[in-house]
Amino acid sequence: MVNVGSLEKRVNSQGYHVSINSSGTEEYIFMQNASMSISHSEFREPTTSGINVYYSGLPDNVLSGTLLFTSDFGNSSNSAALEDLLTATAGAEYPIKPIYVKLIDNTGSPITTTFYYSQAKLTSCTIYKGQEGAVKADVTFVLFGNPTITV
Protein backbone atom coordinates (compact mmCIF):
# COMPACT_ATOMS: atom_id res chain seq x y z
CA MET A 1 0.00 0.00 0.00
CA VAL A 2 1.28 3.44 -0.89
CA ASN A 3 0.48 6.47 1.26
CA VAL A 4 -0.21 9.84 -0.33
CA GLY A 5 0.83 12.99 1.50
CA SER A 6 3.86 13.82 3.61
CA LEU A 7 5.17 16.83 5.51
CA GLU A 8 8.16 17.02 3.18
CA LYS A 9 5.97 17.44 0.10
CA ARG A 10 3.36 19.91 1.37
CA VAL A 11 2.61 23.04 -0.63
CA ASN A 12 2.60 26.41 1.13
CA SER A 13 0.11 29.01 -0.11
CA GLN A 14 3.02 31.01 -1.57
CA GLY A 15 3.53 28.02 -3.87
CA TYR A 16 0.20 28.59 -5.69
CA HIS A 17 0.75 30.46 -8.97
CA VAL A 18 -1.74 31.34 -11.73
CA SER A 19 -0.58 32.43 -15.21
CA ILE A 20 -2.38 33.14 -18.47
CA ASN A 21 -0.93 32.31 -21.91
CA SER A 22 2.40 30.89 -20.75
CA SER A 23 3.76 28.99 -17.82
CA GLY A 24 5.83 31.75 -16.24
CA THR A 25 4.91 35.06 -17.73
CA GLU A 26 1.69 37.03 -17.31
CA GLU A 27 1.33 35.68 -13.79
CA TYR A 28 -1.23 37.12 -11.41
CA ILE A 29 1.25 37.88 -8.64
CA PHE A 30 -1.23 39.63 -6.35
CA MET A 31 -3.80 36.83 -6.26
CA GLN A 32 -5.44 35.92 -2.95
CA ASN A 33 -7.82 33.12 -2.04
CA ALA A 34 -7.36 31.17 -5.26
CA SER A 35 -9.60 28.15 -5.68
CA MET A 36 -9.64 25.61 -8.51
CA SER A 37 -12.63 23.27 -8.64
CA ILE A 38 -12.23 20.20 -10.86
CA SER A 39 -15.59 18.51 -11.24
CA HIS A 40 -18.13 16.93 -13.56
CA SER A 41 -21.77 16.07 -13.18
CA GLU A 42 -23.07 12.58 -12.52
CA PHE A 43 -26.46 11.47 -13.79
CA ARG A 44 -28.42 8.73 -12.07
CA GLU A 45 -30.84 6.76 -14.19
CA PRO A 46 -33.24 4.44 -12.33
CA THR A 47 -34.14 1.16 -13.96
CA THR A 48 -37.15 -1.16 -13.70
CA SER A 49 -34.95 -3.73 -11.95
CA GLY A 50 -34.62 -1.37 -8.98
CA ILE A 51 -30.98 -0.39 -9.46
CA ASN A 52 -29.51 2.90 -10.56
CA VAL A 53 -27.08 3.26 -13.43
CA TYR A 54 -24.71 6.25 -13.31
CA TYR A 55 -23.41 8.26 -16.25
CA SER A 56 -20.67 10.88 -16.15
CA GLY A 57 -21.27 14.32 -17.61
CA LEU A 58 -18.83 16.79 -19.10
CA PRO A 59 -16.20 18.62 -17.02
CA ASP A 60 -17.45 21.64 -15.09
CA ASN A 61 -14.18 23.18 -13.92
CA VAL A 62 -13.78 26.65 -12.41
CA LEU A 63 -10.91 28.81 -11.16
CA SER A 64 -11.76 31.73 -8.90
CA GLY A 65 -9.83 34.09 -6.72
CA THR A 66 -9.33 37.61 -5.48
CA LEU A 67 -6.77 39.93 -7.04
CA LEU A 68 -5.40 43.07 -5.46
CA PHE A 69 -6.33 45.52 -8.20
CA THR A 70 -3.42 47.17 -10.01
CA SER A 71 -3.55 49.54 -12.96
CA ASP A 72 -1.73 47.03 -15.18
CA PHE A 73 -4.49 44.48 -14.50
CA GLY A 74 -7.08 47.02 -15.63
CA ASN A 75 -5.41 48.07 -18.87
CA SER A 76 -2.01 47.12 -20.19
CA SER A 77 -0.26 45.67 -23.17
CA ASN A 78 -0.39 42.10 -21.83
CA SER A 79 -3.20 39.71 -22.62
CA ALA A 80 -3.85 38.86 -18.96
CA ALA A 81 -5.26 42.37 -18.41
CA LEU A 82 -8.95 42.90 -17.80
CA GLU A 83 -9.34 45.05 -20.91
CA ASP A 84 -8.15 42.19 -23.12
CA LEU A 85 -10.20 39.56 -21.26
CA LEU A 86 -13.38 41.64 -21.74
CA THR A 87 -12.90 42.57 -25.40
CA ALA A 88 -15.46 40.59 -27.37
CA THR A 89 -14.62 39.34 -30.84
CA ALA A 90 -16.61 40.29 -33.94
CA GLY A 91 -18.77 37.23 -33.23
CA ALA A 92 -19.61 38.59 -29.74
CA GLU A 93 -17.54 35.94 -27.96
CA TYR A 94 -15.03 36.75 -25.26
CA PRO A 95 -11.44 35.57 -25.66
CA ILE A 96 -10.38 32.07 -24.75
CA LYS A 97 -6.91 31.81 -23.21
CA PRO A 98 -4.73 29.02 -21.95
CA ILE A 99 -4.29 29.05 -18.18
CA TYR A 100 -1.73 27.45 -15.89
CA VAL A 101 -2.04 26.73 -12.19
CA LYS A 102 1.26 25.74 -10.57
CA LEU A 103 1.65 24.23 -7.13
CA ILE A 104 5.24 24.24 -5.87
CA ASP A 105 6.12 22.18 -2.80
CA ASN A 106 8.62 23.25 -0.16
CA THR A 107 11.21 20.51 -0.47
CA GLY A 108 14.93 21.27 -0.79
CA SER A 109 14.63 20.73 -4.55
CA PRO A 110 11.13 22.07 -5.21
CA ILE A 111 8.77 19.92 -7.24
CA THR A 112 6.16 21.73 -9.37
CA THR A 113 2.78 20.22 -10.19
CA THR A 114 1.20 22.08 -13.13
CA PHE A 115 -2.46 22.01 -14.10
CA TYR A 116 -2.71 23.23 -17.70
CA TYR A 117 -5.99 24.12 -19.38
CA SER A 118 -5.67 24.95 -23.06
CA GLN A 119 -8.93 26.90 -22.92
CA ALA A 120 -10.23 29.21 -20.20
CA LYS A 121 -12.55 32.19 -20.27
CA LEU A 122 -13.19 34.96 -17.75
CA THR A 123 -16.87 34.70 -16.78
CA SER A 124 -17.08 37.32 -14.06
CA CYS A 125 -15.12 40.11 -12.42
CA THR A 126 -16.37 42.13 -9.46
CA ILE A 127 -14.25 45.13 -8.49
CA TYR A 128 -14.78 46.52 -5.00
CA LYS A 129 -13.18 48.45 -2.17
CA GLY A 130 -13.31 47.87 1.53
CA GLN A 131 -13.21 50.49 4.25
CA GLU A 132 -9.45 50.14 4.32
CA GLY A 133 -6.77 48.43 2.32
CA ALA A 134 -6.65 47.54 -1.35
CA VAL A 135 -9.19 47.76 -4.11
CA LYS A 136 -9.86 44.13 -5.05
CA ALA A 137 -11.26 42.17 -7.96
CA ASP A 138 -13.02 38.83 -7.55
CA VAL A 139 -12.48 36.88 -10.77
CA THR A 140 -13.95 33.62 -12.02
CA PHE A 141 -12.72 31.65 -15.02
CA VAL A 142 -14.49 28.69 -16.57
CA LEU A 143 -11.94 26.00 -17.47
CA PHE A 144 -12.86 23.93 -20.53
CA GLY A 145 -12.14 20.21 -20.46
CA ASN A 146 -9.90 18.38 -18.02
CA PRO A 147 -6.44 19.64 -17.16
CA THR A 148 -3.18 18.22 -18.36
CA ILE A 149 -1.32 17.55 -15.10
CA THR A 150 2.48 17.38 -15.10
CA VAL A 151 4.92 16.93 -12.22
C-alpha atoms as a PDB file:
ATOM      1  CA  MET A   1       0.000   0.000   0.000  1.00  0.00           C
ATOM      2  CA  VAL A   2       1.277   3.444  -0.892  1.00  0.00           C
ATOM      3  CA  ASN A   3       0.482   6.466   1.258  1.00  0.00           C
ATOM      4  CA  VAL A   4      -0.212   9.840  -0.330  1.00  0.00           C
ATOM      5  CA  GLY A   5       0.831  12.991   1.504  1.00  0.00           C
ATOM      6  CA  SER A   6       3.856  13.820   3.615  1.00  0.00           C
ATOM      7  CA  LEU A   7       5.168  16.826   5.508  1.00  0.00           C
ATOM      8  CA  GLU A   8       8.161  17.018   3.179  1.00  0.00           C
ATOM      9  CA  LYS A   9       5.967  17.436   0.099  1.00  0.00           C
ATOM     10  CA  ARG A  10       3.355  19.907   1.372  1.00  0.00           C
ATOM     11  CA  VAL A  11       2.605  23.038  -0.635  1.00  0.00           C
ATOM     12  CA  ASN A  12       2.602  26.409   1.125  1.00  0.00           C
ATOM     13  CA  SER A  13       0.111  29.014  -0.109  1.00  0.00           C
ATOM     14  CA  GLN A  14       3.020  31.006  -1.568  1.00  0.00           C
ATOM     15  CA  GLY A  15       3.531  28.023  -3.870  1.00  0.00           C
ATOM     16  CA  TYR A  16       0.195  28.595  -5.690  1.00  0.00           C
ATOM     17  CA  HIS A  17       0.751  30.457  -8.971  1.00  0.00           C
ATOM     18  CA  VAL A  18      -1.743  31.339 -11.728  1.00  0.00           C
ATOM     19  CA  SER A  19      -0.576  32.430 -15.209  1.00  0.00           C
ATOM     20  CA  ILE A  20      -2.381  33.142 -18.473  1.00  0.00           C
ATOM     21  CA  ASN A  21      -0.930  32.310 -21.912  1.00  0.00           C
ATOM     22  CA  SER A  22       2.399  30.894 -20.754  1.00  0.00           C
ATOM     23  CA  SER A  23       3.758  28.990 -17.824  1.00  0.00           C
ATOM     24  CA  GLY A  24       5.828  31.745 -16.236  1.00  0.00           C
ATOM     25  CA  THR A  25       4.912  35.063 -17.730  1.00  0.00           C
ATOM     26  CA  GLU A  26       1.692  37.033 -17.308  1.00  0.00           C
ATOM     27  CA  GLU A  27       1.331  35.680 -13.787  1.00  0.00           C
ATOM     28  CA  TYR A  28      -1.235  37.118 -11.414  1.00  0.00           C
ATOM     29  CA  ILE A  29       1.252  37.875  -8.644  1.00  0.00           C
ATOM     30  CA  PHE A  30      -1.231  39.631  -6.349  1.00  0.00           C
ATOM     31  CA  MET A  31      -3.803  36.834  -6.264  1.00  0.00           C
ATOM     32  CA  GLN A  32      -5.435  35.919  -2.953  1.00  0.00           C
ATOM     33  CA  ASN A  33      -7.821  33.117  -2.039  1.00  0.00           C
ATOM     34  CA  ALA A  34      -7.356  31.171  -5.263  1.00  0.00           C
ATOM     35  CA  SER A  35      -9.600  28.151  -5.677  1.00  0.00           C
ATOM     36  CA  MET A  36      -9.643  25.615  -8.510  1.00  0.00           C
ATOM     37  CA  SER A  37     -12.627  23.266  -8.637  1.00  0.00           C
ATOM     38  CA  ILE A  38     -12.228  20.201 -10.862  1.00  0.00           C
ATOM     39  CA  SER A  39     -15.589  18.510 -11.243  1.00  0.00           C
ATOM     40  CA  HIS A  40     -18.129  16.928 -13.557  1.00  0.00           C
ATOM     41  CA  SER A  41     -21.768  16.069 -13.179  1.00  0.00           C
ATOM     42  CA  GLU A  42     -23.072  12.576 -12.519  1.00  0.00           C
ATOM     43  CA  PHE A  43     -26.461  11.468 -13.785  1.00  0.00           C
ATOM     44  CA  ARG A  44     -28.420   8.734 -12.065  1.00  0.00           C
ATOM     45  CA  GLU A  45     -30.842   6.760 -14.194  1.00  0.00           C
ATOM     46  CA  PRO A  46     -33.237   4.444 -12.334  1.00  0.00           C
ATOM     47  CA  THR A  47     -34.144   1.162 -13.961  1.00  0.00           C
ATOM     48  CA  THR A  48     -37.146  -1.158 -13.700  1.00  0.00           C
ATOM     49  CA  SER A  49     -34.948  -3.726 -11.947  1.00  0.00           C
ATOM     50  CA  GLY A  50     -34.619  -1.367  -8.976  1.00  0.00           C
ATOM     51  CA  ILE A  51     -30.978  -0.388  -9.457  1.00  0.00           C
ATOM     52  CA  ASN A  52     -29.509   2.897 -10.564  1.00  0.00           C
ATOM     53  CA  VAL A  53     -27.084   3.261 -13.433  1.00  0.00           C
ATOM     54  CA  TYR A  54     -24.710   6.246 -13.309  1.00  0.00           C
ATOM     55  CA  TYR A  55     -23.409   8.255 -16.252  1.00  0.00           C
ATOM     56  CA  SER A  56     -20.674  10.884 -16.151  1.00  0.00           C
ATOM     57  CA  GLY A  57     -21.270  14.324 -17.608  1.00  0.00           C
ATOM     58  CA  LEU A  58     -18.830  16.792 -19.097  1.00  0.00           C
ATOM     59  CA  PRO A  59     -16.203  18.617 -17.016  1.00  0.00           C
ATOM     60  CA  ASP A  60     -17.453  21.641 -15.091  1.00  0.00           C
ATOM     61  CA  ASN A  61     -14.176  23.180 -13.919  1.00  0.00           C
ATOM     62  CA  VAL A  62     -13.776  26.652 -12.409  1.00  0.00           C
ATOM     63  CA  LEU A  63     -10.908  28.811 -11.157  1.00  0.00           C
ATOM     64  CA  SER A  64     -11.763  31.726  -8.897  1.00  0.00           C
ATOM     65  CA  GLY A  65      -9.829  34.089  -6.718  1.00  0.00           C
ATOM     66  CA  THR A  66      -9.329  37.606  -5.479  1.00  0.00           C
ATOM     67  CA  LEU A  67      -6.771  39.930  -7.040  1.00  0.00           C
ATOM     68  CA  LEU A  68      -5.402  43.068  -5.461  1.00  0.00           C
ATOM     69  CA  PHE A  69      -6.332  45.525  -8.200  1.00  0.00           C
ATOM     70  CA  THR A  70      -3.418  47.170 -10.007  1.00  0.00           C
ATOM     71  CA  SER A  71      -3.551  49.544 -12.956  1.00  0.00           C
ATOM     72  CA  ASP A  72      -1.734  47.030 -15.178  1.00  0.00           C
ATOM     73  CA  PHE A  73      -4.494  44.483 -14.503  1.00  0.00           C
ATOM     74  CA  GLY A  74      -7.084  47.017 -15.634  1.00  0.00           C
ATOM     75  CA  ASN A  75      -5.414  48.073 -18.871  1.00  0.00           C
ATOM     76  CA  SER A  76      -2.014  47.116 -20.186  1.00  0.00           C
ATOM     77  CA  SER A  77      -0.257  45.669 -23.166  1.00  0.00           C
ATOM     78  CA  ASN A  78      -0.388  42.101 -21.831  1.00  0.00           C
ATOM     79  CA  SER A  79      -3.196  39.706 -22.617  1.00  0.00           C
ATOM     80  CA  ALA A  80      -3.847  38.860 -18.962  1.00  0.00           C
ATOM     81  CA  ALA A  81      -5.263  42.365 -18.407  1.00  0.00           C
ATOM     82  CA  LEU A  82      -8.952  42.901 -17.798  1.00  0.00           C
ATOM     83  CA  GLU A  83      -9.339  45.053 -20.907  1.00  0.00           C
ATOM     84  CA  ASP A  84      -8.148  42.187 -23.119  1.00  0.00           C
ATOM     85  CA  LEU A  85     -10.202  39.559 -21.265  1.00  0.00           C
ATOM     86  CA  LEU A  86     -13.379  41.637 -21.745  1.00  0.00           C
ATOM     87  CA  THR A  87     -12.900  42.565 -25.403  1.00  0.00           C
ATOM     88  CA  ALA A  88     -15.463  40.587 -27.370  1.00  0.00           C
ATOM     89  CA  THR A  89     -14.619  39.335 -30.837  1.00  0.00           C
ATOM     90  CA  ALA A  90     -16.607  40.285 -33.943  1.00  0.00           C
ATOM     91  CA  GLY A  91     -18.767  37.225 -33.228  1.00  0.00           C
ATOM     92  CA  ALA A  92     -19.613  38.587 -29.740  1.00  0.00           C
ATOM     93  CA  GLU A  93     -17.539  35.938 -27.956  1.00  0.00           C
ATOM     94  CA  TYR A  94     -15.029  36.755 -25.263  1.00  0.00           C
ATOM     95  CA  PRO A  95     -11.438  35.574 -25.661  1.00  0.00           C
ATOM     96  CA  ILE A  96     -10.379  32.068 -24.754  1.00  0.00           C
ATOM     97  CA  LYS A  97      -6.911  31.809 -23.210  1.00  0.00           C
ATOM     98  CA  PRO A  98      -4.732  29.015 -21.952  1.00  0.00           C
ATOM     99  CA  ILE A  99      -4.291  29.052 -18.178  1.00  0.00           C
ATOM    100  CA  TYR A 100      -1.728  27.449 -15.886  1.00  0.00           C
ATOM    101  CA  VAL A 101      -2.044  26.733 -12.186  1.00  0.00           C
ATOM    102  CA  LYS A 102       1.264  25.743 -10.571  1.00  0.00           C
ATOM    103  CA  LEU A 103       1.646  24.226  -7.125  1.00  0.00           C
ATOM    104  CA  ILE A 104       5.239  24.239  -5.868  1.00  0.00           C
ATOM    105  CA  ASP A 105       6.121  22.179  -2.798  1.00  0.00           C
ATOM    106  CA  ASN A 106       8.620  23.249  -0.164  1.00  0.00           C
ATOM    107  CA  THR A 107      11.215  20.512  -0.474  1.00  0.00           C
ATOM    108  CA  GLY A 108      14.932  21.275  -0.786  1.00  0.00           C
ATOM    109  CA  SER A 109      14.634  20.731  -4.549  1.00  0.00           C
ATOM    110  CA  PRO A 110      11.130  22.068  -5.205  1.00  0.00           C
ATOM    111  CA  ILE A 111       8.772  19.923  -7.238  1.00  0.00           C
ATOM    112  CA  THR A 112       6.159  21.731  -9.366  1.00  0.00           C
ATOM    113  CA  THR A 113       2.783  20.223 -10.190  1.00  0.00           C
ATOM    114  CA  THR A 114       1.204  22.076 -13.128  1.00  0.00           C
ATOM    115  CA  PHE A 115      -2.459  22.014 -14.102  1.00  0.00           C
ATOM    116  CA  TYR A 116      -2.712  23.233 -17.701  1.00  0.00           C
ATOM    117  CA  TYR A 117      -5.990  24.120 -19.377  1.00  0.00           C
ATOM    118  CA  SER A 118      -5.669  24.948 -23.059  1.00  0.00           C
ATOM    119  CA  GLN A 119      -8.935  26.900 -22.923  1.00  0.00           C
ATOM    120  CA  ALA A 120     -10.228  29.212 -20.198  1.00  0.00           C
ATOM    121  CA  LYS A 121     -12.551  32.195 -20.266  1.00  0.00           C
ATOM    122  CA  LEU A 122     -13.189  34.964 -17.752  1.00  0.00           C
ATOM    123  CA  THR A 123     -16.868  34.697 -16.777  1.00  0.00           C
ATOM    124  CA  SER A 124     -17.085  37.321 -14.056  1.00  0.00           C
ATOM    125  CA  CYS A 125     -15.125  40.113 -12.417  1.00  0.00           C
ATOM    126  CA  THR A 126     -16.374  42.128  -9.462  1.00  0.00           C
ATOM    127  CA  ILE A 127     -14.250  45.127  -8.485  1.00  0.00           C
ATOM    128  CA  TYR A 128     -14.781  46.524  -4.999  1.00  0.00           C
ATOM    129  CA  LYS A 129     -13.182  48.455  -2.171  1.00  0.00           C
ATOM    130  CA  GLY A 130     -13.313  47.870   1.535  1.00  0.00           C
ATOM    131  CA  GLN A 131     -13.212  50.488   4.250  1.00  0.00           C
ATOM    132  CA  GLU A 132      -9.445  50.136   4.323  1.00  0.00           C
ATOM    133  CA  GLY A 133      -6.768  48.428   2.318  1.00  0.00           C
ATOM    134  CA  ALA A 134      -6.646  47.545  -1.348  1.00  0.00           C
ATOM    135  CA  VAL A 135      -9.192  47.757  -4.115  1.00  0.00           C
ATOM    136  CA  LYS A 136      -9.859  44.131  -5.049  1.00  0.00           C
ATOM    137  CA  ALA A 137     -11.265  42.175  -7.963  1.00  0.00           C
ATOM    138  CA  ASP A 138     -13.016  38.830  -7.550  1.00  0.00           C
ATOM    139  CA  VAL A 139     -12.483  36.877 -10.771  1.00  0.00           C
ATOM    140  CA  THR A 140     -13.952  33.618 -12.023  1.00  0.00           C
ATOM    141  CA  PHE A 141     -12.716  31.651 -15.019  1.00  0.00           C
ATOM    142  CA  VAL A 142     -14.491  28.695 -16.570  1.00  0.00           C
ATOM    143  CA  LEU A 143     -11.937  25.997 -17.470  1.00  0.00           C
ATOM    144  CA  PHE A 144     -12.859  23.934 -20.529  1.00  0.00           C
ATOM    145  CA  GLY A 145     -12.142  20.212 -20.456  1.00  0.00           C
ATOM    146  CA  ASN A 146      -9.902  18.377 -18.024  1.00  0.00           C
ATOM    147  CA  PRO A 147      -6.441  19.645 -17.156  1.00  0.00           C
ATOM    148  CA  THR A 148      -3.176  18.220 -18.359  1.00  0.00           C
ATOM    149  CA  ILE A 149      -1.316  17.545 -15.104  1.00  0.00           C
ATOM    150  CA  THR A 150       2.480  17.376 -15.097  1.00  0.00           C
ATOM    151  CA  VAL A 151       4.919  16.928 -12.225  1.00  0.00           C
END
